[in-house]
């Protein structure tokens, strides 16, 4: 599928999500269920896959930057098993811990991490997760990261429904005052046990959903980062290093790769990135595009950020497409005692 074709499909899905349509599904959705069956069979065959247990990484990061009277930065992670960090054994290897540690280093402030992501969750679980996050008005996060979409594809959830739930979650968090960064649907066509032609169908469905997610998120005032190709060329070239024992979830190195892609956008959303980095760089093929075109391009390239730019134009809303430089993220420092109900 070309970038222009993907843009048209993504625009239709996003419009269906916004205006209540429900009949637009993912390309090859009838066959994508076979992908899930292959993955489950492969995981049983491997015999050393991971359980649903994930390390608890909640707590304070950046203790070296503690300054009396300075407010803490609050980072909350929502989504599915990838957001939770399933597949690793140490808290410091989870994406939430890596992002909290990196954010603390850039901001030179303490960061309180809370992770409400649930392994196996689909986008329709975000309503419950957001309710948990916003239960206490005094503890609204400064920024939220959402990673979701893979289970929507494998469970054949209609794309319009998937995008509608994600857009609603972003809208509620933004209305409450939190910045929101969404890591869009990963490329399921890179899962090692999945063979052609199902691999191609899974890739197409994943990228189609990722593009539609981007449109929905940007229209609600959030930012997106494409995770698709992080589970593409890099994972395909180094499956033993970047996939975990179940050949499905990322390894510690895989999560570090994803965190490197998301961290610059996290910092930019909080105004912590250098001002010169916020201007589009034509040498990196950055610039302003209609949001559907930006979404389609981002779905095909890892680490690409899309954020709202001009309110509207001849072809609808416009967005800024950025290809931010990645910074090395080390395993996060051990967390301290998890935050108390008062947030300290």
Protein backbone atom coordinates (compact mmCIF):
# COMPACT_ATOMS: atom_id res chain seq x y z
CA UNK A 1 0.00 0.00 0.00
CA UNK A 2 1.40 3.39 -0.98
CA UNK A 3 1.68 6.30 1.42
CA UNK A 4 -1.14 8.15 -0.33
CA UNK A 5 -3.42 5.07 -0.24
CA UNK A 6 -2.64 4.53 3.43
CA UNK A 7 -3.44 8.20 4.09
CA UNK A 8 -6.86 7.86 2.44
CA UNK A 9 -7.72 4.70 4.40
CA UNK A 10 -6.50 6.23 7.67
CA UNK A 11 -8.59 9.35 7.03
CA UNK A 12 -11.71 7.23 6.47
CA UNK A 13 -11.10 5.21 9.64
CA UNK A 14 -10.52 8.35 11.72
CA UNK A 15 -13.65 9.97 10.30
CA UNK A 16 -15.65 6.84 11.09
CA UNK A 17 -14.32 6.90 14.64
CA UNK A 18 -15.19 10.57 15.07
CA UNK A 19 -18.68 10.38 13.61
CA UNK A 20 -19.80 7.04 14.95
CA UNK A 21 -19.15 4.71 12.04
CA UNK A 22 -18.28 1.15 12.92
CA UNK A 23 -18.06 -0.83 9.74
CA UNK A 24 -14.53 -0.01 8.58
CA UNK A 25 -12.23 -2.86 9.55
CA UNK A 26 -8.55 -3.50 9.13
CA UNK A 27 -7.15 -4.76 5.85
CA UNK A 28 -7.01 -8.53 5.92
CA UNK A 29 -8.73 -8.64 9.33
CA UNK A 30 -10.38 -11.97 8.57
CA UNK A 31 -6.97 -13.52 8.06
CA UNK A 32 -5.18 -11.69 10.87
CA UNK A 33 -6.82 -14.04 13.37
CA UNK A 34 -4.65 -16.76 11.86
CA UNK A 35 -1.60 -14.71 12.81
CA UNK A 36 -2.63 -14.85 16.45
CA UNK A 37 -3.15 -18.60 16.18
CA UNK A 38 0.35 -19.01 14.71
CA UNK A 39 1.88 -16.89 17.45
CA UNK A 40 0.10 -18.82 20.20
CA UNK A 41 1.19 -22.12 18.67
CA UNK A 42 4.78 -20.91 18.38
CA UNK A 43 4.82 -19.71 21.98
CA UNK A 44 3.58 -23.09 23.22
CA UNK A 45 6.18 -24.81 21.06
CA UNK A 46 8.99 -22.64 22.41
CA UNK A 47 7.98 -23.60 25.94
CA UNK A 48 9.95 -20.85 27.66
CA UNK A 49 7.68 -17.87 27.09
CA UNK A 50 7.05 -15.30 29.76
CA UNK A 51 4.06 -15.10 32.07
CA UNK A 52 1.71 -12.15 32.41
CA UNK A 53 3.67 -11.01 35.46
CA UNK A 54 5.55 -7.74 34.98
CA UNK A 55 7.99 -6.07 37.38
CA UNK A 56 6.59 -3.21 39.46
CA UNK A 57 8.57 -0.13 38.42
CA UNK A 58 6.36 2.46 40.14
CA UNK A 59 8.20 4.95 42.28
CA UNK A 60 10.56 7.94 42.21
CA UNK A 61 13.38 8.36 39.71
CA UNK A 62 16.19 10.90 39.64
CA UNK A 63 16.87 10.99 43.38
CA UNK A 64 20.11 12.87 42.68
CA UNK A 65 18.04 15.81 41.45
CA UNK A 66 15.96 16.19 44.62
CA UNK A 67 15.54 19.88 45.47
CA UNK A 68 13.50 21.00 48.49
CA UNK A 69 10.26 22.63 47.43
CA UNK A 70 10.58 21.72 43.74
CA UNK A 71 7.48 19.92 42.42
CA UNK A 72 7.83 16.40 41.12
CA UNK A 73 7.17 15.52 37.50
CA UNK A 74 4.45 12.90 37.20
CA UNK A 75 4.68 10.33 34.40
CA UNK A 76 1.95 7.73 33.87
CA UNK A 77 2.03 4.78 31.46
CA UNK A 78 -1.16 3.30 29.99
CA UNK A 79 -1.83 0.55 27.46
CA UNK A 80 -1.07 -3.13 26.94
CA UNK A 81 1.72 -5.61 27.68
CA UNK A 82 4.32 -3.58 25.79
CA UNK A 83 3.52 -0.54 27.93
CA UNK A 84 3.59 -2.68 31.06
CA UNK A 85 6.97 -4.19 30.18
CA UNK A 86 6.00 -7.85 29.88
CA UNK A 87 8.93 -10.07 28.98
CA UNK A 88 11.65 -8.59 31.22
CA UNK A 89 12.59 -9.55 34.76
CA UNK A 90 13.88 -6.32 36.31
CA UNK A 91 11.88 -3.16 36.97
CA UNK A 92 14.65 -1.02 35.51
CA UNK A 93 14.25 -2.74 32.13
CA UNK A 94 10.60 -1.78 31.63
CA UNK A 95 9.77 1.08 29.25
CA UNK A 96 8.18 3.09 32.07
CA UNK A 97 11.34 2.92 34.18
CA UNK A 98 13.55 3.76 31.22
CA UNK A 99 11.42 6.77 30.28
CA UNK A 100 11.17 7.99 33.88
CA UNK A 101 14.93 7.75 34.35
CA UNK A 102 15.61 9.49 31.04
CA UNK A 103 13.07 12.23 31.72
CA UNK A 104 14.59 12.86 35.17
CA UNK A 105 18.04 13.22 33.62
CA UNK A 106 16.88 15.68 30.97
CA UNK A 107 14.66 17.73 33.31
CA UNK A 108 17.08 17.43 36.25
CA UNK A 109 14.05 16.84 38.45
CA UNK A 110 12.60 13.89 40.28
CA UNK A 111 9.99 11.94 38.35
CA UNK A 112 7.21 9.87 39.91
CA UNK A 113 6.24 6.93 37.71
CA UNK A 114 2.88 5.20 37.79
CA UNK A 115 2.03 2.37 35.40
CA UNK A 116 -1.59 1.28 34.96
CA UNK A 117 -1.04 -0.70 31.73
CA UNK A 118 -2.48 -4.20 31.58
CA UNK A 119 -1.07 -7.15 29.60
CA UNK A 120 -3.60 -8.25 27.02
CA UNK A 121 -5.45 -4.92 27.07
CA UNK A 122 -7.13 -3.54 23.98
CA UNK A 123 -8.06 0.06 23.33
CA UNK A 124 -11.45 -0.45 24.95
CA UNK A 125 -9.67 -0.92 28.31
CA UNK A 126 -8.32 2.63 28.16
CA UNK A 127 -11.55 4.02 29.62
CA UNK A 128 -10.92 2.03 32.81
CA UNK A 129 -7.24 2.95 32.89
CA UNK A 130 -7.92 6.67 32.41
CA UNK A 131 -10.47 6.56 35.24
CA UNK A 132 -7.74 5.19 37.53
CA UNK A 133 -5.31 7.87 36.42
CA UNK A 134 -7.76 10.74 36.98
CA UNK A 135 -9.37 9.41 40.17
CA UNK A 136 -7.52 11.97 42.32
CA UNK A 137 -7.59 15.50 40.81
CA UNK A 138 -4.59 16.43 42.95
CA UNK A 139 -2.42 13.79 41.25
CA UNK A 140 -3.11 14.44 37.56
CA UNK A 141 0.04 13.46 35.62
CA UNK A 142 2.17 16.03 33.85
CA UNK A 143 2.50 13.60 30.96
CA UNK A 144 1.06 10.25 29.93
CA UNK A 145 2.45 7.66 27.53
CA UNK A 146 0.03 5.23 25.87
CA UNK A 147 1.15 2.14 23.96
CA UNK A 148 -1.76 0.15 22.53
CA UNK A 149 -3.07 -1.44 19.35
CA UNK A 150 -1.46 -4.86 18.87
CA UNK A 151 -4.26 -6.71 20.67
CA UNK A 152 -6.85 -4.74 18.69
CA UNK A 153 -5.36 -6.18 15.49
CA UNK A 154 -5.01 -9.75 16.70
CA UNK A 155 -8.52 -9.73 18.19
CA UNK A 156 -9.92 -8.15 15.02
CA UNK A 157 -11.43 -5.11 16.71
CA UNK A 158 -12.84 -2.75 14.04
CA UNK A 159 -10.33 0.03 13.46
CA UNK A 160 -12.98 2.74 13.89
CA UNK A 161 -13.82 1.40 17.34
CA UNK A 162 -10.16 1.12 18.27
CA UNK A 163 -9.41 4.72 17.25
CA UNK A 164 -12.58 5.98 18.95
CA UNK A 165 -11.50 4.55 22.32
CA UNK A 166 -7.96 5.89 21.96
CA UNK A 167 -9.14 9.35 20.91
CA UNK A 168 -11.53 9.50 23.87
CA UNK A 169 -8.73 8.57 26.26
CA UNK A 170 -6.44 11.26 24.86
CA UNK A 171 -9.23 13.84 25.02
CA UNK A 172 -9.97 13.08 28.70
CA UNK A 173 -6.30 13.23 29.68
CA UNK A 174 -5.69 16.46 27.75
CA UNK A 175 -8.82 18.06 29.25
CA UNK A 176 -7.49 17.19 32.70
CA UNK A 177 -4.25 19.02 31.87
CA UNK A 178 -1.87 16.16 31.01
CA UNK A 179 0.34 16.06 27.94
CA UNK A 180 -0.10 12.81 25.99
CA UNK A 181 2.34 10.84 23.82
CA UNK A 182 1.08 7.70 22.06
CA UNK A 183 3.34 4.96 20.76
CA UNK A 184 1.26 3.70 17.85
CA UNK A 185 0.50 0.08 16.95
CA UNK A 186 3.68 -1.97 16.44
CA UNK A 187 4.32 -3.92 13.25
CA UNK A 188 3.00 -7.43 13.95
CA UNK A 189 4.47 -8.60 10.66
CA UNK A 190 7.88 -8.81 12.33
CA UNK A 191 6.93 -11.48 14.88
CA UNK A 192 9.37 -14.26 14.10
CA UNK A 193 7.00 -17.29 14.07
CA UNK A 194 4.55 -15.64 11.64
CA UNK A 195 5.13 -16.70 8.03
CA UNK A 196 4.07 -15.26 4.66
CA UNK A 197 1.50 -14.37 3.47
CA UNK A 198 0.18 -13.75 6.98
CA UNK A 199 3.26 -11.68 7.78
CA UNK A 200 2.35 -9.26 4.98
CA UNK A 201 -1.29 -9.07 6.09
CA UNK A 202 -0.30 -8.42 9.70
CA UNK A 203 2.13 -5.67 8.65
CA UNK A 204 -0.48 -3.99 6.48
CA UNK A 205 -3.16 -4.11 9.18
CA UNK A 206 -0.74 -2.83 11.84
CA UNK A 207 0.43 0.14 9.78
CA UNK A 208 -3.10 0.98 8.73
CA UNK A 209 -4.20 1.13 12.37
CA UNK A 210 -1.08 3.10 13.37
CA UNK A 211 -1.84 5.78 10.77
CA UNK A 212 -5.47 6.04 11.86
CA UNK A 213 -4.40 6.23 15.52
CA UNK A 214 -2.12 9.14 14.66
CA UNK A 215 -4.91 11.14 13.09
CA UNK A 216 -7.20 10.56 16.08
CA UNK A 217 -4.52 11.41 18.65
CA UNK A 218 -3.26 14.55 16.92
CA UNK A 219 -6.80 15.86 16.50
CA UNK A 220 -7.23 15.59 20.29
CA UNK A 221 -4.02 17.51 21.02
CA UNK A 222 -1.66 14.60 21.63
CA UNK A 223 1.56 13.53 19.91
CA UNK A 224 2.41 10.18 18.39
CA UNK A 225 5.62 8.24 17.85
CA UNK A 226 5.70 5.39 15.37
CA UNK A 227 6.80 2.12 16.95
CA UNK A 228 6.02 0.10 13.82
CA UNK A 229 9.44 -0.07 12.25
CA UNK A 230 11.16 -0.44 15.60
CA UNK A 231 9.60 -3.88 15.37
CA UNK A 232 10.57 -3.90 11.71
CA UNK A 233 14.05 -3.65 10.15
CA UNK A 234 15.87 -3.40 13.49
CA UNK A 235 13.94 -6.25 15.10
CA UNK A 236 14.06 -8.33 11.94
CA UNK A 237 17.83 -7.92 11.77
CA UNK A 238 18.38 -8.72 15.46
CA UNK A 239 15.50 -10.95 16.57
CA UNK A 240 17.58 -12.79 19.16
CA UNK A 241 18.63 -9.53 20.84
CA UNK A 242 15.44 -7.49 20.52
CA UNK A 243 12.73 -10.12 21.10
CA UNK A 244 12.24 -11.84 24.44
CA UNK A 245 12.09 -15.60 25.12
CA UNK A 246 8.52 -15.89 23.79
CA UNK A 247 9.52 -14.39 20.40
CA UNK A 248 6.60 -12.00 20.80
CA UNK A 249 7.36 -9.35 23.43
CA UNK A 250 10.48 -7.17 23.28
CA UNK A 251 13.58 -8.05 25.27
CA UNK A 252 15.31 -5.58 27.56
CA UNK A 253 17.28 -4.30 24.55
CA UNK A 254 14.07 -4.07 22.55
CA UNK A 255 12.38 -1.96 25.20
CA UNK A 256 15.46 0.27 25.38
CA UNK A 257 15.22 0.78 21.61
CA UNK A 258 11.56 1.80 21.94
CA UNK A 259 12.34 4.12 24.87
CA UNK A 260 15.05 5.85 22.84
CA UNK A 261 12.45 6.61 20.18
CA UNK A 262 9.81 7.93 22.60
CA UNK A 263 11.96 9.92 25.05
CA UNK A 264 12.70 12.92 22.77
CA UNK A 265 8.98 13.40 22.09
CA UNK A 266 8.25 13.08 25.81
CA UNK A 267 10.76 15.84 26.52
CA UNK A 268 9.52 18.02 23.66
CA UNK A 269 5.93 17.78 24.91
CA UNK A 270 7.10 19.16 28.27
CA UNK A 271 9.18 21.94 26.69
CA UNK A 272 12.48 20.34 27.73
CA UNK A 273 14.02 19.80 24.28
CA UNK A 274 16.33 22.44 22.74
CA UNK A 275 14.41 25.11 20.81
CA UNK A 276 16.38 24.48 17.62
CA UNK A 277 15.19 20.86 17.66
CA UNK A 278 11.59 22.06 17.36
CA UNK A 279 12.12 23.60 13.94
CA UNK A 280 11.66 21.24 10.98
CA UNK A 281 14.94 20.09 9.45
CA UNK A 282 14.62 19.62 5.70
CA UNK A 283 17.79 17.50 5.65
CA UNK A 284 15.89 14.93 7.76
CA UNK A 285 12.80 15.25 5.54
CA UNK A 286 10.81 16.98 8.27
CA UNK A 287 8.06 19.46 7.63
CA UNK A 288 4.38 20.40 7.68
CA UNK A 289 1.92 18.03 5.98
CA UNK A 290 -1.81 17.34 5.98
CA UNK A 291 -2.31 15.20 9.07
CA UNK A 292 -3.36 12.09 7.09
CA UNK A 293 -0.22 12.22 4.95
CA UNK A 294 1.98 12.77 8.00
CA UNK A 295 0.27 9.83 9.71
CA UNK A 296 0.83 7.54 6.72
CA UNK A 297 4.52 8.44 6.48
CA UNK A 298 5.04 8.00 10.21
CA UNK A 299 3.46 4.55 10.15
CA UNK A 300 6.23 3.40 7.81
CA UNK A 301 9.24 4.80 9.70
CA UNK A 302 10.35 4.11 13.24
CA UNK A 303 10.67 6.92 15.74
CA UNK A 304 8.78 9.43 13.60
CA UNK A 305 6.80 11.98 15.61
CA UNK A 306 3.59 13.66 14.51
CA UNK A 307 2.11 16.63 16.37
CA UNK A 308 -0.57 19.18 15.56
CA UNK A 309 0.57 22.28 13.71
CA UNK A 310 -1.80 24.60 11.86
CA UNK A 311 -5.50 24.24 12.76
CA UNK A 312 -6.65 23.66 9.21
CA UNK A 313 -5.79 24.00 5.55
CA UNK A 314 -7.17 23.20 2.09
CA UNK A 315 -6.90 19.47 2.88
CA UNK A 316 -7.98 19.67 6.51
CA UNK A 317 -5.81 19.80 9.68
CA UNK A 318 -2.03 19.95 9.26
CA UNK A 319 0.68 18.39 11.37
CA UNK A 320 4.41 18.65 11.91
CA UNK A 321 6.37 15.49 11.10
CA UNK A 322 9.65 15.17 13.00
CA UNK A 323 12.40 12.58 12.82
CA UNK A 324 14.10 13.22 16.13
CA UNK A 325 17.58 11.98 16.89
CA UNK A 326 17.63 9.07 19.28
CA UNK A 327 19.59 9.22 22.51
CA UNK A 328 21.02 6.20 24.31
CA UNK A 329 18.89 5.12 27.28
CA UNK A 330 20.57 2.99 29.92
CA UNK A 331 18.72 0.61 32.21
CA UNK A 332 16.92 2.77 34.73
CA UNK A 333 18.10 3.14 38.29
CA UNK A 334 16.28 1.03 40.90
CA UNK A 335 13.11 2.69 42.10
CA UNK A 336 12.57 3.88 45.59
CA UNK A 337 9.52 3.13 47.68
CA UNK A 338 6.39 3.37 45.51
CA UNK A 339 4.50 6.67 45.88
CA UNK A 340 2.05 6.90 48.75
CA UNK A 341 -1.56 8.02 48.18
CA UNK A 342 -0.37 11.56 48.88
CA UNK A 343 2.13 11.25 46.05
CA UNK A 344 5.30 11.41 48.12
